[in-house]
Structure formats: structure tokens, C-alpha cells
Full PDB file with SEQRES, HELIX, SHEET, SSBOND, CRYST1, ORIGX, SCALE, CONECT and MASTER records, all heavy atoms in Angstrom:
SEQRES   1 A   35  ASP GLU VAL PRO LEU LEU PHE LYS GLN LYS GLN PHE GLU          
SEQRES   2 A   35  ASP ALA LYS ILE ILE LEU LYS GLU ALA LEU LYS THR SER          
SEQRES   3 A   35  PRO ASP ASN LEU GLN ALA ILE GLU LEU                          
HELIX    1 AA1 VAL A    3  LYS A    8  1                                   6    
HELIX    2 AA2 PHE A   12  THR A   25  1                                  14    
HELIX    3 AA3 LEU A   30  GLU A   34  1                                   5    
CRYST1    1.000    1.000    1.000  90.00  90.00  90.00 P 1           1          
ORIGX1      1.000000  0.000000  0.000000        0.00000                         
ORIGX2      0.000000  1.000000  0.000000        0.00000                         
ORIGX3      0.000000  0.000000  1.000000        0.00000                         
SCALE1      1.000000  0.000000  0.000000        0.00000                         
SCALE2      0.000000  1.000000  0.000000        0.00000                         
SCALE3      0.000000  0.000000  1.000000        0.00000                         
ATOM      1  N   ASP A   1     -73.206  14.880 -36.354  1.00  0.00           N  
ATOM      2  CA  ASP A   1     -72.723  13.759 -35.548  1.00  0.00           C  
ATOM      3  C   ASP A   1     -73.546  12.492 -35.772  1.00  0.00           C  
ATOM      4  O   ASP A   1     -73.104  11.393 -35.441  1.00  0.00           O  
ATOM      5  CB  ASP A   1     -72.745  14.137 -34.064  1.00  0.00           C  
ATOM      6  CG  ASP A   1     -71.697  15.194 -33.729  1.00  0.00           C  
ATOM      7  OD1 ASP A   1     -70.761  15.377 -34.529  1.00  0.00           O  
ATOM      8  OD2 ASP A   1     -71.828  15.844 -32.669  1.00  0.00           O  
ATOM      9  N   GLU A   2     -74.745  12.640 -36.364  1.00  0.00           N  
ATOM     10  CA  GLU A   2     -75.597  11.484 -36.650  1.00  0.00           C  
ATOM     11  C   GLU A   2     -75.154  10.748 -37.917  1.00  0.00           C  
ATOM     12  O   GLU A   2     -75.482   9.582 -38.125  1.00  0.00           O  
ATOM     13  CB  GLU A   2     -77.058  11.922 -36.844  1.00  0.00           C  
ATOM     14  CG  GLU A   2     -77.704  12.551 -35.620  1.00  0.00           C  
ATOM     15  CD  GLU A   2     -79.109  13.060 -35.939  1.00  0.00           C  
ATOM     16  OE1 GLU A   2     -79.699  12.563 -36.927  1.00  0.00           O  
ATOM     17  OE2 GLU A   2     -79.603  13.942 -35.233  1.00  0.00           O  
ATOM     18  N   VAL A   3     -74.408  11.455 -38.774  1.00  0.00           N  
ATOM     19  CA  VAL A   3     -74.115  10.938 -40.111  1.00  0.00           C  
ATOM     20  C   VAL A   3     -73.311   9.635 -40.095  1.00  0.00           C  
ATOM     21  O   VAL A   3     -73.648   8.696 -40.834  1.00  0.00           O  
ATOM     22  CB  VAL A   3     -73.427  12.024 -40.965  1.00  0.00           C  
ATOM     23  CG1 VAL A   3     -72.919  11.434 -42.285  1.00  0.00           C  
ATOM     24  CG2 VAL A   3     -74.407  13.170 -41.239  1.00  0.00           C  
ATOM     25  N   PRO A   4     -72.241   9.497 -39.295  1.00  0.00           N  
ATOM     26  CA  PRO A   4     -71.501   8.227 -39.305  1.00  0.00           C  
ATOM     27  C   PRO A   4     -72.369   7.013 -38.993  1.00  0.00           C  
ATOM     28  O   PRO A   4     -72.192   5.950 -39.589  1.00  0.00           O  
ATOM     29  CB  PRO A   4     -70.429   8.450 -38.225  1.00  0.00           C  
ATOM     30  CG  PRO A   4     -70.210   9.922 -38.215  1.00  0.00           C  
ATOM     31  CD  PRO A   4     -71.572  10.519 -38.456  1.00  0.00           C  
ATOM     32  N   LEU A   5     -73.326   7.175 -38.075  1.00  0.00           N  
ATOM     33  CA  LEU A   5     -74.229   6.063 -37.769  1.00  0.00           C  
ATOM     34  C   LEU A   5     -75.114   5.744 -38.970  1.00  0.00           C  
ATOM     35  O   LEU A   5     -75.357   4.567 -39.277  1.00  0.00           O  
ATOM     36  CB  LEU A   5     -75.083   6.390 -36.550  1.00  0.00           C  
ATOM     37  CG  LEU A   5     -76.121   5.317 -36.149  1.00  0.00           C  
ATOM     38  CD1 LEU A   5     -75.425   3.998 -35.828  1.00  0.00           C  
ATOM     39  CD2 LEU A   5     -76.944   5.784 -34.955  1.00  0.00           C  
ATOM     40  N   LEU A   6     -75.581   6.774 -39.661  1.00  0.00           N  
ATOM     41  CA  LEU A   6     -76.392   6.551 -40.864  1.00  0.00           C  
ATOM     42  C   LEU A   6     -75.575   5.843 -41.937  1.00  0.00           C  
ATOM     43  O   LEU A   6     -76.102   4.989 -42.657  1.00  0.00           O  
ATOM     44  CB  LEU A   6     -76.926   7.890 -41.389  1.00  0.00           C  
ATOM     45  CG  LEU A   6     -77.970   8.576 -40.507  1.00  0.00           C  
ATOM     46  CD1 LEU A   6     -78.289   9.980 -41.042  1.00  0.00           C  
ATOM     47  CD2 LEU A   6     -79.255   7.749 -40.440  1.00  0.00           C  
ATOM     48  N   PHE A   7     -74.289   6.186 -42.047  1.00  0.00           N  
ATOM     49  CA  PHE A   7     -73.418   5.477 -42.987  1.00  0.00           C  
ATOM     50  C   PHE A   7     -73.353   3.993 -42.628  1.00  0.00           C  
ATOM     51  O   PHE A   7     -73.451   3.124 -43.500  1.00  0.00           O  
ATOM     52  CB  PHE A   7     -71.999   6.059 -42.941  1.00  0.00           C  
ATOM     53  CG  PHE A   7     -71.818   7.340 -43.706  1.00  0.00           C  
ATOM     54  CD1 PHE A   7     -72.885   7.967 -44.332  1.00  0.00           C  
ATOM     55  CD2 PHE A   7     -70.580   7.929 -43.803  1.00  0.00           C  
ATOM     56  CE1 PHE A   7     -72.713   9.143 -45.040  1.00  0.00           C  
ATOM     57  CE2 PHE A   7     -70.384   9.100 -44.517  1.00  0.00           C  
ATOM     58  CZ  PHE A   7     -71.449   9.715 -45.135  1.00  0.00           C  
ATOM     59  N   LYS A   8     -73.162   3.720 -41.341  1.00  0.00           N  
ATOM     60  CA  LYS A   8     -73.055   2.331 -40.890  1.00  0.00           C  
ATOM     61  C   LYS A   8     -74.324   1.562 -41.215  1.00  0.00           C  
ATOM     62  O   LYS A   8     -74.272   0.364 -41.528  1.00  0.00           O  
ATOM     63  CB  LYS A   8     -72.792   2.318 -39.381  1.00  0.00           C  
ATOM     64  CG  LYS A   8     -72.436   0.953 -38.820  1.00  0.00           C  
ATOM     65  CD  LYS A   8     -72.041   1.037 -37.351  1.00  0.00           C  
ATOM     66  CE  LYS A   8     -71.652  -0.334 -36.811  1.00  0.00           C  
ATOM     67  NZ  LYS A   8     -71.252  -0.260 -35.381  1.00  0.00           N  
ATOM     68  N   GLN A   9     -75.476   2.249 -41.156  1.00  0.00           N  
ATOM     69  CA  GLN A   9     -76.762   1.618 -41.452  1.00  0.00           C  
ATOM     70  C   GLN A   9     -77.094   1.676 -42.948  1.00  0.00           C  
ATOM     71  O   GLN A   9     -78.173   1.264 -43.353  1.00  0.00           O  
ATOM     72  CB  GLN A   9     -77.862   2.320 -40.652  1.00  0.00           C  
ATOM     73  CG  GLN A   9     -77.688   2.185 -39.141  1.00  0.00           C  
ATOM     74  CD  GLN A   9     -78.634   3.073 -38.354  1.00  0.00           C  
ATOM     75  OE1 GLN A   9     -79.175   4.069 -38.881  1.00  0.00           O  
ATOM     76  NE2 GLN A   9     -78.858   2.748 -37.090  1.00  0.00           N  
ATOM     77  N   LYS A  10     -76.154   2.204 -43.744  1.00  0.00           N  
ATOM     78  CA  LYS A  10     -76.307   2.329 -45.204  1.00  0.00           C  
ATOM     79  C   LYS A  10     -77.497   3.226 -45.589  1.00  0.00           C  
ATOM     80  O   LYS A  10     -78.103   3.053 -46.646  1.00  0.00           O  
ATOM     81  CB  LYS A  10     -76.430   0.953 -45.870  1.00  0.00           C  
ATOM     82  CG  LYS A  10     -75.237   0.045 -45.610  1.00  0.00           C  
ATOM     83  CD  LYS A  10     -75.301  -1.217 -46.425  1.00  0.00           C  
ATOM     84  CE  LYS A  10     -74.165  -2.171 -46.093  1.00  0.00           C  
ATOM     85  NZ  LYS A  10     -72.831  -1.581 -46.304  1.00  0.00           N  
ATOM     86  N   GLN A  11     -77.813   4.184 -44.741  1.00  0.00           N  
ATOM     87  CA  GLN A  11     -78.898   5.128 -45.017  1.00  0.00           C  
ATOM     88  C   GLN A  11     -78.295   6.413 -45.592  1.00  0.00           C  
ATOM     89  O   GLN A  11     -78.319   7.482 -44.978  1.00  0.00           O  
ATOM     90  CB  GLN A  11     -79.692   5.396 -43.744  1.00  0.00           C  
ATOM     91  CG  GLN A  11     -80.383   4.156 -43.185  1.00  0.00           C  
ATOM     92  CD  GLN A  11     -81.134   4.432 -41.896  1.00  0.00           C  
ATOM     93  OE1 GLN A  11     -81.442   5.566 -41.569  1.00  0.00           O  
ATOM     94  NE2 GLN A  11     -81.425   3.379 -41.142  1.00  0.00           N  
ATOM     95  N   PHE A  12     -77.767   6.288 -46.796  1.00  0.00           N  
ATOM     96  CA  PHE A  12     -77.014   7.387 -47.382  1.00  0.00           C  
ATOM     97  C   PHE A  12     -77.908   8.560 -47.800  1.00  0.00           C  
ATOM     98  O   PHE A  12     -77.490   9.719 -47.727  1.00  0.00           O  
ATOM     99  CB  PHE A  12     -76.193   6.877 -48.568  1.00  0.00           C  
ATOM    100  CG  PHE A  12     -75.247   5.773 -48.182  1.00  0.00           C  
ATOM    101  CD1 PHE A  12     -75.372   4.501 -48.728  1.00  0.00           C  
ATOM    102  CD2 PHE A  12     -74.248   5.994 -47.249  1.00  0.00           C  
ATOM    103  CE1 PHE A  12     -74.512   3.486 -48.363  1.00  0.00           C  
ATOM    104  CE2 PHE A  12     -73.378   4.977 -46.873  1.00  0.00           C  
ATOM    105  CZ  PHE A  12     -73.513   3.727 -47.439  1.00  0.00           C  
ATOM    106  N   GLU A  13     -79.113   8.278 -48.239  1.00  0.00           N  
ATOM    107  CA  GLU A  13     -80.023   9.370 -48.613  1.00  0.00           C  
ATOM    108  C   GLU A  13     -80.382  10.220 -47.398  1.00  0.00           C  
ATOM    109  O   GLU A  13     -80.410  11.452 -47.481  1.00  0.00           O  
ATOM    110  CB  GLU A  13     -81.284   8.806 -49.275  1.00  0.00           C  
ATOM    111  CG  GLU A  13     -81.075   8.293 -50.682  1.00  0.00           C  
ATOM    112  CD  GLU A  13     -80.552   9.371 -51.630  1.00  0.00           C  
ATOM    113  OE1 GLU A  13     -80.993  10.543 -51.507  1.00  0.00           O  
ATOM    114  OE2 GLU A  13     -79.693   9.052 -52.467  1.00  0.00           O  
ATOM    115  N   ASP A  14     -80.641   9.572 -46.271  1.00  0.00           N  
ATOM    116  CA  ASP A  14     -80.937  10.317 -45.048  1.00  0.00           C  
ATOM    117  C   ASP A  14     -79.728  11.147 -44.623  1.00  0.00           C  
ATOM    118  O   ASP A  14     -79.866  12.289 -44.177  1.00  0.00           O  
ATOM    119  CB  ASP A  14     -81.328   9.361 -43.922  1.00  0.00           C  
ATOM    120  CG  ASP A  14     -82.678   8.698 -44.156  1.00  0.00           C  
ATOM    121  OD1 ASP A  14     -83.462   9.220 -44.968  1.00  0.00           O  
ATOM    122  OD2 ASP A  14     -82.942   7.651 -43.535  1.00  0.00           O  
ATOM    123  N   ALA A  15     -78.551  10.562 -44.765  1.00  0.00           N  
ATOM    124  CA  ALA A  15     -77.334  11.295 -44.417  1.00  0.00           C  
ATOM    125  C   ALA A  15     -77.170  12.529 -45.299  1.00  0.00           C  
ATOM    126  O   ALA A  15     -76.807  13.611 -44.817  1.00  0.00           O  
ATOM    127  CB  ALA A  15     -76.123  10.372 -44.553  1.00  0.00           C  
ATOM    128  N   LYS A  16     -77.464  12.375 -46.591  1.00  0.00           N  
ATOM    129  CA  LYS A  16     -77.283  13.503 -47.507  1.00  0.00           C  
ATOM    130  C   LYS A  16     -78.260  14.637 -47.215  1.00  0.00           C  
ATOM    131  O   LYS A  16     -77.931  15.809 -47.424  1.00  0.00           O  
ATOM    132  CB  LYS A  16     -77.427  13.018 -48.954  1.00  0.00           C  
ATOM    133  CG  LYS A  16     -76.238  12.191 -49.410  1.00  0.00           C  
ATOM    134  CD  LYS A  16     -76.184  11.957 -50.906  1.00  0.00           C  
ATOM    135  CE  LYS A  16     -77.433  11.447 -51.518  1.00  0.00           C  
ATOM    136  NZ  LYS A  16     -77.317  11.110 -52.931  1.00  0.00           N  
ATOM    137  N   ILE A  17     -79.444  14.306 -46.739  1.00  0.00           N  
ATOM    138  CA  ILE A  17     -80.410  15.354 -46.365  1.00  0.00           C  
ATOM    139  C   ILE A  17     -79.829  16.229 -45.255  1.00  0.00           C  
ATOM    140  O   ILE A  17     -79.879  17.465 -45.309  1.00  0.00           O  
ATOM    141  CB  ILE A  17     -81.748  14.730 -45.929  1.00  0.00           C  
ATOM    142  CG1 ILE A  17     -82.449  14.099 -47.132  1.00  0.00           C  
ATOM    143  CG2 ILE A  17     -82.652  15.784 -45.279  1.00  0.00           C  
ATOM    144  CD1 ILE A  17     -83.666  13.268 -46.767  1.00  0.00           C  
ATOM    145  N   ILE A  18     -79.249  15.586 -44.245  1.00  0.00           N  
ATOM    146  CA  ILE A  18     -78.624  16.324 -43.146  1.00  0.00           C  
ATOM    147  C   ILE A  18     -77.457  17.155 -43.660  1.00  0.00           C  
ATOM    148  O   ILE A  18     -77.290  18.330 -43.292  1.00  0.00           O  
ATOM    149  CB  ILE A  18     -78.145  15.345 -42.053  1.00  0.00           C  
ATOM    150  CG1 ILE A  18     -79.348  14.661 -41.386  1.00  0.00           C  
ATOM    151  CG2 ILE A  18     -77.290  16.060 -41.015  1.00  0.00           C  
ATOM    152  CD1 ILE A  18     -78.965  13.558 -40.420  1.00  0.00           C  
ATOM    153  N   LEU A  19     -76.651  16.565 -44.512  1.00  0.00           N  
ATOM    154  CA  LEU A  19     -75.462  17.252 -45.007  1.00  0.00           C  
ATOM    155  C   LEU A  19     -75.810  18.449 -45.889  1.00  0.00           C  
ATOM    156  O   LEU A  19     -75.159  19.499 -45.815  1.00  0.00           O  
ATOM    157  CB  LEU A  19     -74.581  16.262 -45.777  1.00  0.00           C  
ATOM    158  CG  LEU A  19     -73.960  15.162 -44.913  1.00  0.00           C  
ATOM    159  CD1 LEU A  19     -73.366  14.057 -45.780  1.00  0.00           C  
ATOM    160  CD2 LEU A  19     -72.891  15.741 -43.992  1.00  0.00           C  
ATOM    161  N   LYS A  20     -76.841  18.303 -46.694  1.00  0.00           N  
ATOM    162  CA  LYS A  20     -77.271  19.427 -47.536  1.00  0.00           C  
ATOM    163  C   LYS A  20     -77.730  20.603 -46.687  1.00  0.00           C  
ATOM    164  O   LYS A  20     -77.435  21.764 -46.987  1.00  0.00           O  
ATOM    165  CB  LYS A  20     -78.384  18.973 -48.481  1.00  0.00           C  
ATOM    166  CG  LYS A  20     -77.900  18.097 -49.630  1.00  0.00           C  
ATOM    167  CD  LYS A  20     -79.060  17.593 -50.475  1.00  0.00           C  
ATOM    168  CE  LYS A  20     -78.566  16.671 -51.582  1.00  0.00           C  
ATOM    169  NZ  LYS A  20     -79.704  16.108 -52.381  1.00  0.00           N  
ATOM    170  N   GLU A  21     -78.453  20.320 -45.623  1.00  0.00           N  
ATOM    171  CA  GLU A  21     -78.903  21.386 -44.715  1.00  0.00           C  
ATOM    172  C   GLU A  21     -77.709  22.053 -44.046  1.00  0.00           C  
ATOM    173  O   GLU A  21     -77.665  23.284 -43.899  1.00  0.00           O  
ATOM    174  CB  GLU A  21     -79.852  20.812 -43.658  1.00  0.00           C  
ATOM    175  CG  GLU A  21     -81.213  20.413 -44.196  1.00  0.00           C  
ATOM    176  CD  GLU A  21     -81.965  21.592 -44.801  1.00  0.00           C  
ATOM    177  OE1 GLU A  21     -81.931  22.690 -44.183  1.00  0.00           O  
ATOM    178  OE2 GLU A  21     -82.563  21.441 -45.877  1.00  0.00           O  
ATOM    179  N   ALA A  22     -76.737  21.242 -43.640  1.00  0.00           N  
ATOM    180  CA  ALA A  22     -75.540  21.808 -42.997  1.00  0.00           C  
ATOM    181  C   ALA A  22     -74.767  22.701 -43.956  1.00  0.00           C  
ATOM    182  O   ALA A  22     -74.265  23.772 -43.569  1.00  0.00           O  
ATOM    183  CB  ALA A  22     -74.650  20.678 -42.489  1.00  0.00           C  
ATOM    184  N   LEU A  23     -74.696  22.289 -45.217  1.00  0.00           N  
ATOM    185  CA  LEU A  23     -73.938  23.067 -46.195  1.00  0.00           C  
ATOM    186  C   LEU A  23     -74.682  24.337 -46.609  1.00  0.00           C  
ATOM    187  O   LEU A  23     -74.046  25.307 -47.026  1.00  0.00           O  
ATOM    188  CB  LEU A  23     -73.622  22.197 -47.414  1.00  0.00           C  
ATOM    189  CG  LEU A  23     -72.573  21.099 -47.144  1.00  0.00           C  
ATOM    190  CD1 LEU A  23     -72.495  20.131 -48.312  1.00  0.00           C  
ATOM    191  CD2 LEU A  23     -71.206  21.726 -46.881  1.00  0.00           C  
ATOM    192  N   LYS A  24     -75.994  24.337 -46.492  1.00  0.00           N  
ATOM    193  CA  LYS A  24     -76.741  25.577 -46.731  1.00  0.00           C  
ATOM    194  C   LYS A  24     -76.383  26.617 -45.684  1.00  0.00           C  
ATOM    195  O   LYS A  24     -76.214  27.798 -45.974  1.00  0.00           O  
ATOM    196  CB  LYS A  24     -78.246  25.299 -46.688  1.00  0.00           C  
ATOM    197  CG  LYS A  24     -78.811  24.664 -47.941  1.00  0.00           C  
ATOM    198  CD  LYS A  24     -80.319  24.473 -47.788  1.00  0.00           C  
ATOM    199  CE  LYS A  24     -80.915  23.754 -48.994  1.00  0.00           C  
ATOM    200  NZ  LYS A  24     -82.375  23.528 -48.824  1.00  0.00           N  
ATOM    201  N   THR A  25     -76.273  26.162 -44.452  1.00  0.00           N  
ATOM    202  CA  THR A  25     -75.949  27.053 -43.332  1.00  0.00           C  
ATOM    203  C   THR A  25     -74.483  27.474 -43.368  1.00  0.00           C  
ATOM    204  O   THR A  25     -74.148  28.631 -43.107  1.00  0.00           O  
ATOM    205  CB  THR A  25     -76.230  26.347 -41.989  1.00  0.00           C  
ATOM    206  OG1 THR A  25     -77.578  25.899 -41.965  1.00  0.00           O  
ATOM    207  CG2 THR A  25     -75.982  27.287 -40.815  1.00  0.00           C  
ATOM    208  N   SER A  26     -73.609  26.508 -43.716  1.00  0.00           N  
ATOM    209  CA  SER A  26     -72.164  26.764 -43.699  1.00  0.00           C  
ATOM    210  C   SER A  26     -71.510  26.085 -44.890  1.00  0.00           C  
ATOM    211  O   SER A  26     -71.052  24.950 -44.798  1.00  0.00           O  
ATOM    212  CB  SER A  26     -71.575  26.243 -42.382  1.00  0.00           C  
ATOM    213  OG  SER A  26     -70.196  26.474 -42.323  1.00  0.00           O  
ATOM    214  N   PRO A  27     -71.464  26.758 -46.054  1.00  0.00           N  
ATOM    215  CA  PRO A  27     -70.979  26.133 -47.293  1.00  0.00           C  
ATOM    216  C   PRO A  27     -69.536  25.643 -47.228  1.00  0.00           C  
ATOM    217  O   PRO A  27     -69.161  24.747 -47.981  1.00  0.00           O  
ATOM    218  CB  PRO A  27     -71.110  27.263 -48.323  1.00  0.00           C  
ATOM    219  CG  PRO A  27     -72.111  28.206 -47.749  1.00  0.00           C  
ATOM    220  CD  PRO A  27     -71.931  28.136 -46.264  1.00  0.00           C  
ATOM    221  N   ASP A  28     -68.728  26.218 -46.333  1.00  0.00           N  
ATOM    222  CA  ASP A  28     -67.329  25.824 -46.241  1.00  0.00           C  
ATOM    223  C   ASP A  28     -67.050  24.946 -45.022  1.00  0.00           C  
ATOM    224  O   ASP A  28     -65.904  24.832 -44.580  1.00  0.00           O  
ATOM    225  CB  ASP A  28     -66.433  27.069 -46.191  1.00  0.00           C  
ATOM    226  CG  ASP A  28     -66.412  27.813 -47.518  1.00  0.00           C  
ATOM    227  OD1 ASP A  28     -66.775  27.205 -48.548  1.00  0.00           O  
ATOM    228  OD2 ASP A  28     -66.043  28.995 -47.530  1.00  0.00           O  
ATOM    229  N   ASN A  29     -68.074  24.311 -44.492  1.00  0.00           N  
ATOM    230  CA  ASN A  29     -67.899  23.408 -43.356  1.00  0.00           C  
ATOM    231  C   ASN A  29     -67.142  22.167 -43.835  1.00  0.00           C  
ATOM    232  O   ASN A  29     -67.680  21.342 -44.582  1.00  0.00           O  
ATOM    233  CB  ASN A  29     -69.268  23.018 -42.783  1.00  0.00           C  
ATOM    234  CG  ASN A  29     -69.154  22.149 -41.542  1.00  0.00           C  
ATOM    235  OD1 ASN A  29     -68.413  21.186 -41.502  1.00  0.00           O  
ATOM    236  ND2 ASN A  29     -69.916  22.500 -40.519  1.00  0.00           N  
ATOM    237  N   LEU A  30     -65.891  22.044 -43.409  1.00  0.00           N  
ATOM    238  CA  LEU A  30     -65.026  20.975 -43.921  1.00  0.00           C  
ATOM    239  C   LEU A  30     -65.576  19.584 -43.606  1.00  0.00           C  
ATOM    240  O   LEU A  30     -65.521  18.677 -44.447  1.00  0.00           O  
ATOM    241  CB  LEU A  30     -63.625  21.114 -43.333  1.00  0.00           C  
ATOM    242  CG  LEU A  30     -62.864  22.395 -43.707  1.00  0.00           C  
ATOM    243  CD1 LEU A  30     -61.565  22.465 -42.936  1.00  0.00           C  
ATOM    244  CD2 LEU A  30     -62.599  22.438 -45.208  1.00  0.00           C  
ATOM    245  N   GLN A  31     -66.117  19.425 -42.415  1.00  0.00           N  
ATOM    246  CA  GLN A  31     -66.659  18.116 -42.027  1.00  0.00           C  
ATOM    247  C   GLN A  31     -67.836  17.737 -42.911  1.00  0.00           C  
ATOM    248  O   GLN A  31     -67.931  16.596 -43.386  1.00  0.00           O  
ATOM    249  CB  GLN A  31     -67.085  18.138 -40.562  1.00  0.00           C  
ATOM    250  CG  GLN A  31     -67.600  16.778 -40.075  1.00  0.00           C  
ATOM    251  CD  GLN A  31     -68.150  16.833 -38.661  1.00  0.00           C  
ATOM    252  OE1 GLN A  31     -68.328  17.911 -38.093  1.00  0.00           O  
ATOM    253  NE2 GLN A  31     -68.436  15.667 -38.092  1.00  0.00           N  
ATOM    254  N   ALA A  32     -68.731  18.700 -43.149  1.00  0.00           N  
ATOM    255  CA  ALA A  32     -69.907  18.421 -43.974  1.00  0.00           C  
ATOM    256  C   ALA A  32     -69.513  18.135 -45.414  1.00  0.00           C  
ATOM    257  O   ALA A  32     -70.071  17.243 -46.063  1.00  0.00           O  
ATOM    258  CB  ALA A  32     -70.882  19.594 -43.908  1.00  0.00           C  
ATOM    259  N   ILE A  33     -68.535  18.868 -45.929  1.00  0.00           N  
ATOM    260  CA  ILE A  33     -68.079  18.645 -47.303  1.00  0.00           C  
ATOM    261  C   ILE A  33     -67.486  17.247 -47.443  1.00  0.00           C  
ATOM    262  O   ILE A  33     -67.786  16.512 -48.386  1.00  0.00           O  
ATOM    263  CB  ILE A  33     -67.038  19.712 -47.706  1.00  0.00           C  
ATOM    264  CG1 ILE A  33     -67.666  21.112 -47.715  1.00  0.00           C  
ATOM    265  CG2 ILE A  33     -66.454  19.400 -49.086  1.00  0.00           C  
ATOM    266  CD1 ILE A  33     -66.644  22.233 -47.826  1.00  0.00           C  
ATOM    267  N   GLU A  34     -66.629  16.892 -46.478  1.00  0.00           N  
ATOM    268  CA  GLU A  34     -65.990  15.573 -46.533  1.00  0.00           C  
ATOM    269  C   GLU A  34     -67.021  14.459 -46.424  1.00  0.00           C  
ATOM    270  O   GLU A  34     -66.970  13.472 -47.176  1.00  0.00           O  
ATOM    271  CB  GLU A  34     -64.959  15.443 -45.421  1.00  0.00           C  
ATOM    272  CG  GLU A  34     -64.191  14.130 -45.462  1.00  0.00           C  
ATOM    273  CD  GLU A  34     -63.094  14.044 -44.429  1.00  0.00           C  
ATOM    274  OE1 GLU A  34     -63.018  14.948 -43.561  1.00  0.00           O  
ATOM    275  OE2 GLU A  34     -62.306  13.075 -44.484  1.00  0.00           O  
ATOM    276  N   LEU A  35     -67.958  14.593 -45.512  1.00  0.00           N  
ATOM    277  CA  LEU A  35     -68.976  13.559 -45.342  1.00  0.00           C  
ATOM    278  C   LEU A  35     -69.874  13.445 -46.570  1.00  0.00           C  
ATOM    279  O   LEU A  35     -70.297  12.355 -46.931  1.00  0.00           O  
ATOM    280  CB  LEU A  35     -69.815  13.859 -44.100  1.00  0.00           C  
ATOM    281  CG  LEU A  35     -69.109  13.623 -42.751  1.00  0.00           C  
ATOM    282  CD1 LEU A  35     -69.946  14.169 -41.602  1.00  0.00           C  
ATOM    283  CD2 LEU A  35     -68.835  12.138 -42.542  1.00  0.00           C  
TER     284      LEU A  35                                                      
MASTER        0    0    0    3    0    0    0    6  283    1    0    3          
END                                                                             
């Protein structure tokens, strides 16, 4: 849920760190894949 705000702030590397962790836990998480 933090990722859209990071996008708005153009902090894409920080967003990707969160997303990579989410995908490790749940590789088929549609929201994480899309983000």
C-alpha cells in the first residue's frame, strides 16, 4: 500500500525493494506483479 505514494515521489528503487520482498513471499501476487 506504500508503493503508489513512492511512485508519486518518483522513488522507484525504494518501491522495487518492497515489491521484490512481496514477490518472494507470494510470487503470483497480481498486485505486486503489476506494480
